PDB file of N, CA and C in Angstrom:
ATOM      1  N   MET A   1     -61.789 134.908 -23.609  1.00  0.00           N
ATOM      2  CA  MET A   1     -61.124 136.334 -22.699  1.00  0.00           C
ATOM      3  C   MET A   1     -61.523 137.400 -23.496  1.00  0.00           C
ATOM      4  N   ALA A   2     -62.128 138.410 -22.814  1.00  0.00           N
ATOM      5  CA  ALA A   2     -62.439 139.628 -23.294  1.00  0.00           C
ATOM      6  C   ALA A   2     -61.368 140.654 -23.586  1.00  0.00           C
ATOM      7  N   ARG A   3     -61.243 141.423 -24.673  1.00  0.00           N
ATOM      8  CA  ARG A   3     -60.326 142.343 -25.010  1.00  0.00           C
ATOM      9  C   ARG A   3     -60.682 143.652 -24.217  1.00  0.00           C
ATOM     10  N   THR A   4     -59.493 144.280 -24.069  1.00  0.00           N
ATOM     11  CA  THR A   4     -59.891 145.590 -23.362  1.00  0.00           C
ATOM     12  C   THR A   4     -59.360 146.590 -24.442  1.00  0.00           C
ATOM     13  N   HIS A   5     -59.918 147.915 -24.225  1.00  0.00           N
ATOM     14  CA  HIS A   5     -59.449 148.626 -25.102  1.00  0.00           C
ATOM     15  C   HIS A   5     -58.337 149.394 -24.417  1.00  0.00           C
ATOM     16  N   GLU A   6     -57.283 149.650 -25.232  1.00  0.00           N
ATOM     17  CA  GLU A   6     -55.956 150.262 -24.739  1.00  0.00           C
ATOM     18  C   GLU A   6     -55.714 151.674 -25.339  1.00  0.00           C
ATOM     19  N   GLU A   7     -55.569 152.586 -24.927  1.00  0.00           N
ATOM     20  CA  GLU A   7     -55.285 153.880 -25.310  1.00  0.00           C
ATOM     21  C   GLU A   7     -53.768 153.964 -25.887  1.00  0.00           C
ATOM     22  N   PRO A   8     -53.671 154.716 -27.002  1.00  0.00           N
ATOM     23  CA  PRO A   8     -52.337 154.907 -27.561  1.00  0.00           C
ATOM     24  C   PRO A   8     -51.468 155.482 -26.713  1.00  0.00           C
ATOM     25  N   PRO A   9     -50.022 155.219 -26.989  1.00  0.00           N
ATOM     26  CA  PRO A   9     -49.054 155.993 -26.055  1.00  0.00           C
ATOM     27  C   PRO A   9     -49.225 157.431 -26.579  1.00  0.00           C
ATOM     28  N   THR A  10     -48.909 158.376 -25.700  1.00  0.00           N
ATOM     29  CA  THR A  10     -49.109 159.803 -26.056  1.00  0.00           C
ATOM     30  C   THR A  10     -47.798 160.409 -25.435  1.00  0.00           C
ATOM     31  N   THR A  11     -47.688 161.604 -25.786  1.00  0.00           N
ATOM     32  CA  THR A  11     -46.564 162.535 -25.295  1.00  0.00           C
ATOM     33  C   THR A  11     -47.213 163.976 -24.934  1.00  0.00           C
ATOM     34  N   LEU A  12     -46.471 164.506 -23.987  1.00  0.00           N
ATOM     35  CA  LEU A  12     -46.913 165.886 -23.685  1.00  0.00           C
ATOM     36  C   LEU A  12     -45.838 166.903 -24.046  1.00  0.00           C
ATOM     37  N   SER A  13     -46.271 168.103 -24.622  1.00  0.00           N
ATOM     38  CA  SER A  13     -45.372 169.178 -24.967  1.00  0.00           C
ATOM     39  C   SER A  13     -45.781 170.558 -24.757  1.00  0.00           C
ATOM     40  N   HIS A  14     -44.990 171.388 -24.708  1.00  0.00           N
ATOM     41  CA  HIS A  14     -45.660 172.915 -24.349  1.00  0.00           C
ATOM     42  C   HIS A  14     -46.186 173.281 -25.949  1.00  0.00           C
ATOM     43  N   GLY A  15     -47.201 173.817 -25.738  1.00  0.00           N
ATOM     44  CA  GLY A  15     -48.212 174.268 -26.972  1.00  0.00           C
ATOM     45  C   GLY A  15     -48.007 175.763 -27.051  1.00  0.00           C
ATOM     46  N   GLU A  16     -48.346 176.303 -28.463  1.00  0.00           N
ATOM     47  CA  GLU A  16     -48.373 177.639 -28.636  1.00  0.00           C
ATOM     48  C   GLU A  16     -49.483 178.453 -27.958  1.00  0.00           C
ATOM     49  N   LEU A  17     -48.933 179.606 -27.261  1.00  0.00           N
ATOM     50  CA  LEU A  17     -49.930 180.414 -26.259  1.00  0.00           C
ATOM     51  C   LEU A  17     -50.856 181.128 -27.446  1.00  0.00           C
ATOM     52  N   PRO A  18     -52.172 181.132 -27.096  1.00  0.00           N
ATOM     53  CA  PRO A  18     -53.016 181.924 -27.864  1.00  0.00           C
ATOM     54  C   PRO A  18     -52.919 183.380 -27.656  1.00  0.00           C
ATOM     55  N   TYR A  19     -52.594 183.744 -26.356  1.00  0.00           N
ATOM     56  CA  TYR A  19     -52.322 185.230 -25.822  1.00  0.00           C
ATOM     57  C   TYR A  19     -50.961 185.337 -25.304  1.00  0.00           C
ATOM     58  N   PRO A  20     -50.372 186.317 -25.112  1.00  0.00           N
ATOM     59  CA  PRO A  20     -49.142 186.382 -24.416  1.00  0.00           C
ATOM     60  C   PRO A  20     -49.161 185.956 -22.812  1.00  0.00           C
ATOM     61  N   ARG A  21     -48.122 185.299 -22.408  1.00  0.00           N
ATOM     62  CA  ARG A  21     -48.077 184.778 -21.074  1.00  0.00           C
ATOM     63  C   ARG A  21     -48.362 185.874 -19.971  1.00  0.00           C
ATOM     64  N   GLY A  22     -49.207 185.745 -19.095  1.00  0.00           N
ATOM     65  CA  GLY A  22     -49.572 186.882 -18.140  1.00  0.00           C
ATOM     66  C   GLY A  22     -50.855 187.524 -18.469  1.00  0.00           C
ATOM     67  N   THR A  23     -51.376 187.197 -19.618  1.00  0.00           N
ATOM     68  CA  THR A  23     -52.649 187.872 -19.935  1.00  0.00           C
ATOM     69  C   THR A  23     -53.831 187.153 -19.085  1.00  0.00           C
ATOM     70  N   LEU A  24     -54.536 188.202 -18.730  1.00  0.00           N
ATOM     71  CA  LEU A  24     -55.858 187.917 -17.750  1.00  0.00           C
ATOM     72  C   LEU A  24     -56.905 187.266 -18.717  1.00  0.00           C
ATOM     73  N   VAL A  25     -57.104 185.992 -18.301  1.00  0.00           N
ATOM     74  CA  VAL A  25     -58.229 185.400 -19.231  1.00  0.00           C
ATOM     75  C   VAL A  25     -59.208 184.924 -18.203  1.00  0.00           C
ATOM     76  N   GLU A  26     -60.543 184.340 -18.814  1.00  0.00           N
ATOM     77  CA  GLU A  26     -61.511 183.910 -18.179  1.00  0.00           C
ATOM     78  C   GLU A  26     -61.945 182.528 -18.606  1.00  0.00           C
ATOM     79  N   ASP A  27     -62.206 181.693 -17.869  1.00  0.00           N
ATOM     80  CA  ASP A  27     -62.753 180.557 -18.382  1.00  0.00           C
ATOM     81  C   ASP A  27     -64.161 180.567 -18.524  1.00  0.00           C
ATOM     82  N   ALA A  28     -64.566 180.622 -19.530  1.00  0.00           N
ATOM     83  CA  ALA A  28     -66.063 180.834 -20.324  1.00  0.00           C
ATOM     84  C   ALA A  28     -67.124 179.963 -19.547  1.00  0.00           C
ATOM     85  N   GLU A  29     -66.671 178.864 -19.028  1.00  0.00           N
ATOM     86  CA  GLU A  29     -67.658 177.941 -18.282  1.00  0.00           C
ATOM     87  C   GLU A  29     -67.762 178.195 -17.006  1.00  0.00           C
ATOM     88  N   THR A  30     -66.741 178.452 -16.198  1.00  0.00           N
ATOM     89  CA  THR A  30     -66.897 178.605 -14.673  1.00  0.00           C
ATOM     90  C   THR A  30     -66.848 180.141 -14.255  1.00  0.00           C
ATOM     91  N   GLY A  31     -66.346 180.832 -15.126  1.00  0.00           N
ATOM     92  CA  GLY A  31     -66.144 182.402 -14.960  1.00  0.00           C
ATOM     93  C   GLY A  31     -64.779 182.472 -13.997  1.00  0.00           C
ATOM     94  N   LEU A  32     -64.076 181.676 -13.693  1.00  0.00           N
ATOM     95  CA  LEU A  32     -62.788 181.930 -12.941  1.00  0.00           C
ATOM     96  C   LEU A  32     -61.814 182.692 -13.911  1.00  0.00           C
ATOM     97  N   ARG A  33     -60.966 183.546 -13.334  1.00  0.00           N
ATOM     98  CA  ARG A  33     -60.100 184.383 -13.887  1.00  0.00           C
ATOM     99  C   ARG A  33     -58.774 184.208 -13.455  1.00  0.00           C
ATOM    100  N   GLY A  34     -57.716 184.118 -14.326  1.00  0.00           N
ATOM    101  CA  GLY A  34     -56.316 184.124 -13.980  1.00  0.00           C
ATOM    102  C   GLY A  34     -55.477 184.307 -15.086  1.00  0.00           C
ATOM    103  N   GLU A  35     -54.233 184.491 -14.855  1.00  0.00           N
ATOM    104  CA  GLU A  35     -53.116 184.862 -15.824  1.00  0.00           C
ATOM    105  C   GLU A  35     -52.616 183.646 -16.337  1.00  0.00           C
ATOM    106  N   LEU A  36     -52.655 183.723 -17.856  1.00  0.00           N
ATOM    107  CA  LEU A  36     -52.272 182.524 -18.519  1.00  0.00           C
ATOM    108  C   LEU A  36     -50.694 182.328 -18.369  1.00  0.00           C
ATOM    109  N   GLN A  37     -50.485 180.860 -17.983  1.00  0.00           N
ATOM    110  CA  GLN A  37     -49.219 180.717 -17.674  1.00  0.00           C
ATOM    111  C   GLN A  37     -48.327 179.881 -18.846  1.00  0.00           C
ATOM    112  N   GLY A  38     -49.317 178.892 -19.382  1.00  0.00           N
ATOM    113  CA  GLY A  38     -48.529 178.050 -20.266  1.00  0.00           C
ATOM    114  C   GLY A  38     -49.756 177.203 -20.915  1.00  0.00           C
ATOM    115  N   VAL A  39     -49.344 176.386 -21.999  1.00  0.00           N
ATOM    116  CA  VAL A  39     -50.374 175.477 -22.581  1.00  0.00           C
ATOM    117  C   VAL A  39     -49.600 173.981 -22.848  1.00  0.00           C
ATOM    118  N   ILE A  40     -50.147 173.149 -22.522  1.00  0.00           N
ATOM    119  CA  ILE A  40     -49.628 171.714 -22.629  1.00  0.00           C
ATOM    120  C   ILE A  40     -50.514 171.035 -23.634  1.00  0.00           C
ATOM    121  N   GLU A  41     -49.936 170.479 -24.765  1.00  0.00           N
ATOM    122  CA  GLU A  41     -50.549 169.385 -25.736  1.00  0.00           C
ATOM    123  C   GLU A  41     -50.429 168.040 -25.343  1.00  0.00           C
ATOM    124  N   GLU A  42     -51.275 167.302 -25.650  1.00  0.00           N
ATOM    125  CA  GLU A  42     -51.177 165.796 -25.721  1.00  0.00           C
ATOM    126  C   GLU A  42     -51.443 165.245 -27.043  1.00  0.00           C
ATOM    127  N   ARG A  43     -50.548 164.430 -27.572  1.00  0.00           N
ATOM    128  CA  ARG A  43     -50.467 163.855 -28.885  1.00  0.00           C
ATOM    129  C   ARG A  43     -50.059 162.671 -28.866  1.00  0.00           C
ATOM    130  N   THR A  44     -50.646 161.775 -29.868  1.00  0.00           N
ATOM    131  CA  THR A  44     -50.465 160.177 -29.974  1.00  0.00           C
ATOM    132  C   THR A  44     -48.770 160.239 -30.416  1.00  0.00           C
ATOM    133  N   LYS A  45     -48.188 159.210 -29.841  1.00  0.00           N
ATOM    134  CA  LYS A  45     -46.728 159.015 -30.421  1.00  0.00           C
ATOM    135  C   LYS A  45     -46.441 158.744 -31.775  1.00  0.00           C
ATOM    136  N   GLU A  46     -47.343 157.817 -32.285  1.00  0.00           N
ATOM    137  CA  GLU A  46     -47.096 157.243 -33.723  1.00  0.00           C
ATOM    138  C   GLU A  46     -47.667 158.307 -34.728  1.00  0.00           C
ATOM    139  N   ALA A  47     -48.799 158.815 -34.599  1.00  0.00           N
ATOM    140  CA  ALA A  47     -49.422 159.527 -35.722  1.00  0.00           C
ATOM    141  C   ALA A  47     -49.314 161.093 -35.313  1.00  0.00           C
ATOM    142  N   ASN A  48     -48.826 161.519 -34.213  1.00  0.00           N
ATOM    143  CA  ASN A  48     -48.734 162.695 -33.792  1.00  0.00           C
ATOM    144  C   ASN A  48     -50.224 163.567 -33.939  1.00  0.00           C
ATOM    145  N   ARG A  49     -51.183 162.751 -33.563  1.00  0.00           N
ATOM    146  CA  ARG A  49     -52.376 163.317 -33.645  1.00  0.00           C
ATOM    147  C   ARG A  49     -52.994 164.061 -32.190  1.00  0.00           C
ATOM    148  N   LEU A  50     -53.366 165.340 -32.373  1.00  0.00           N
ATOM    149  CA  LEU A  50     -53.558 166.029 -31.309  1.00  0.00           C
ATOM    150  C   LEU A  50     -54.778 165.386 -30.504  1.00  0.00           C
ATOM    151  N   ILE A  51     -54.669 165.265 -29.253  1.00  0.00           N
ATOM    152  CA  ILE A  51     -55.784 164.758 -28.425  1.00  0.00           C
ATOM    153  C   ILE A  51     -56.366 165.698 -27.328  1.00  0.00           C
ATOM    154  N   SER A  52     -55.381 166.728 -26.881  1.00  0.00           N
ATOM    155  CA  SER A  52     -56.017 167.782 -25.986  1.00  0.00           C
ATOM    156  C   SER A  52     -55.109 168.909 -25.857  1.00  0.00           C
ATOM    157  N   ARG A  53     -55.617 170.042 -25.556  1.00  0.00           N
ATOM    158  CA  ARG A  53     -54.804 171.245 -25.359  1.00  0.00           C
ATOM    159  C   ARG A  53     -55.277 171.791 -23.908  1.00  0.00           C
ATOM    160  N   THR A  54     -54.419 171.905 -23.003  1.00  0.00           N
ATOM    161  CA  THR A  54     -54.823 172.525 -21.803  1.00  0.00           C
ATOM    162  C   THR A  54     -53.981 173.726 -21.305  1.00  0.00           C
ATOM    163  N   ALA A  55     -54.818 174.615 -20.744  1.00  0.00           N
ATOM    164  CA  ALA A  55     -54.439 175.944 -20.396  1.00  0.00           C
ATOM    165  C   ALA A  55     -54.053 175.871 -18.934  1.00  0.00           C
ATOM    166  N   TYR A  56     -53.098 176.478 -18.507  1.00  0.00           N
ATOM    167  CA  TYR A  56     -52.578 176.524 -17.121  1.00  0.00           C
ATOM    168  C   TYR A  56     -52.669 178.053 -16.506  1.00  0.00           C
ATOM    169  N   LEU A  57     -53.370 178.317 -15.579  1.00  0.00           N
ATOM    170  CA  LEU A  57     -53.892 179.666 -15.195  1.00  0.00           C
ATOM    171  C   LEU A  57     -53.522 179.837 -13.736  1.00  0.00           C
ATOM    172  N   ARG A  58     -53.055 181.225 -13.335  1.00  0.00           N
ATOM    173  CA  ARG A  58     -52.702 181.417 -12.104  1.00  0.00           C
ATOM    174  C   ARG A  58     -53.450 182.636 -11.665  1.00  0.00           C
ATOM    175  N   PRO A  59     -54.084 182.588 -10.425  1.00  0.00           N
ATOM    176  CA  PRO A  59     -54.876 183.890  -9.694  1.00  0.00           C
ATOM    177  C   PRO A  59     -53.800 185.131 -10.073  1.00  0.00           C
ATOM    178  N   ARG A  60     -54.458 186.084 -10.372  1.00  0.00           N
ATOM    179  CA  ARG A  60     -53.641 187.537 -10.504  1.00  0.00           C
ATOM    180  C   ARG A  60     -52.987 187.725  -9.166  1.00  0.00           C
ATOM    181  N   GLY A  61     -51.767 188.024  -9.074  1.00  0.00           N
ATOM    182  CA  GLY A  61     -51.246 188.436  -7.468  1.00  0.00           C
ATOM    183  C   GLY A  61     -50.460 187.044  -7.122  1.00  0.00           C
ATOM    184  N   GLY A  62     -50.605 186.094  -7.728  1.00  0.00           N
ATOM    185  CA  GLY A  62     -50.021 184.741  -7.314  1.00  0.00           C
ATOM    186  C   GLY A  62     -51.043 183.806  -6.590  1.00  0.00           C
ATOM    187  N   GLY A  63     -50.439 182.483  -6.350  1.00  0.00           N
ATOM    188  CA  GLY A  63     -51.312 181.371  -5.856  1.00  0.00           C
ATOM    189  C   GLY A  63     -51.395 180.220  -6.801  1.00  0.00           C
ATOM    190  N   VAL A  64     -52.035 179.246  -6.294  1.00  0.00           N
ATOM    191  CA  VAL A  64     -51.935 177.940  -6.898  1.00  0.00           C
ATOM    192  C   VAL A  64     -52.506 177.988  -8.220  1.00  0.00           C
ATOM    193  N   GLU A  65     -51.913 177.338  -9.321  1.00  0.00           N
ATOM    194  CA  GLU A  65     -52.273 177.215 -10.770  1.00  0.00           C
ATOM    195  C   GLU A  65     -53.351 176.387 -10.886  1.00  0.00           C
ATOM    196  N   TRP A  66     -54.163 176.343 -11.640  1.00  0.00           N
ATOM    197  CA  TRP A  66     -55.234 175.597 -12.180  1.00  0.00           C
ATOM    198  C   TRP A  66     -55.226 175.081 -13.525  1.00  0.00           C
ATOM    199  N   GLU A  67     -55.885 174.193 -14.085  1.00  0.00           N
ATOM    200  CA  GLU A  67     -55.919 173.836 -15.542  1.00  0.00           C
ATOM    201  C   GLU A  67     -57.447 173.999 -15.972  1.00  0.00           C
ATOM    202  N   THR A  68     -57.519 174.399 -17.341  1.00  0.00           N
ATOM    203  CA  THR A  68     -58.690 174.211 -17.976  1.00  0.00           C
ATOM    204  C   THR A  68     -58.609 174.080 -19.358  1.00  0.00           C
ATOM    205  N   PRO A  69     -59.475 173.447 -20.094  1.00  0.00           N
ATOM    206  CA  PRO A  69     -59.306 173.156 -21.553  1.00  0.00           C
ATOM    207  C   PRO A  69     -59.106 174.454 -22.245  1.00  0.00           C
ATOM    208  N   LEU A  70     -58.157 174.389 -23.227  1.00  0.00           N
ATOM    209  CA  LEU A  70     -57.794 175.692 -23.754  1.00  0.00           C
ATOM    210  C   LEU A  70     -58.876 176.312 -24.697  1.00  0.00           C
ATOM    211  N   ASN A  71     -59.833 175.480 -25.107  1.00  0.00           N
ATOM    212  CA  ASN A  71     -61.072 176.126 -25.833  1.00  0.00           C
ATOM    213  C   ASN A  71     -61.981 176.795 -25.048  1.00  0.00           C
ATOM    214  N   ARG A  72     -61.606 176.752 -23.775  1.00  0.00           N
ATOM    215  CA  ARG A  72     -62.924 177.619 -22.839  1.00  0.00           C
ATOM    216  C   ARG A  72     -62.228 178.907 -22.332  1.00  0.00           C
ATOM    217  N   ILE A  73     -60.969 179.231 -22.786  1.00  0.00           N
ATOM    218  CA  ILE A  73     -60.437 180.520 -22.356  1.00  0.00           C
ATOM    219  C   ILE A  73     -60.693 181.745 -23.164  1.00  0.00           C
ATOM    220  N   ARG A  74     -60.883 182.911 -22.771  1.00  0.00           N
ATOM    221  CA  ARG A  74     -60.964 184.132 -23.622  1.00  0.00           C
ATOM    222  C   ARG A  74     -60.281 185.269 -22.908  1.00  0.00           C
ATOM    223  N   PRO A  75     -59.934 186.215 -23.323  1.00  0.00           N
ATOM    224  CA  PRO A  75     -59.367 187.532 -22.599  1.00  0.00           C
ATOM    225  C   PRO A  75     -60.485 187.858 -21.547  1.00  0.00           C
ATOM    226  N   ALA A  76     -60.154 188.233 -20.511  1.00  0.00           N
ATOM    227  CA  ALA A  76     -61.090 188.811 -19.475  1.00  0.00           C
ATOM    228  C   ALA A  76     -61.166 190.333 -19.732  1.00  0.00           C
ATOM    229  N   ASP A  77     -62.553 190.742 -19.285  1.00  0.00           N
ATOM    230  CA  ASP A  77     -62.797 192.268 -19.411  1.00  0.00           C
ATOM    231  C   ASP A  77     -61.880 192.602 -18.169  1.00  0.00           C
ATOM    232  N   GLN A  78     -61.065 193.690 -18.400  1.00  0.00           N
ATOM    233  CA  GLN A  78     -60.057 194.237 -17.290  1.00  0.00           C
ATOM    234  C   GLN A  78     -60.893 194.992 -15.959  1.00  0.00           C
ATOM    235  N   HIS A  79     -62.117 195.425 -16.423  1.00  0.00           N
ATOM    236  CA  HIS A  79     -62.868 196.098 -15.349  1.00  0.00           C
ATOM    237  C   HIS A  79     -64.072 195.447 -14.863  1.00  0.00           C
ATOM    238  N   ALA A  80     -64.311 194.291 -15.055  1.00  0.00           N
ATOM    239  CA  ALA A  80     -65.438 193.498 -14.631  1.00  0.00           C
ATOM    240  C   ALA A  80     -65.007 192.914 -13.242  1.00  0.00           C
TER     241      ALA A  80
END
């Protein structure tokens, strides 16, 4: 019987924000802009090893939030 690779159990928690909540940021890969709402970190349960950090953004003025890897966001130029 073939063995299948099982992912270790993980936990999700709120992570530290790189900028204040509400800061206008831009996804460097897609160019989408939004206000930073929060960060979620995924870690392994046993070793507490960081697996991913995800930023949650909302369009300025309201709308549906979306997510993007935290390492892709940067403060947006306010005038562009």
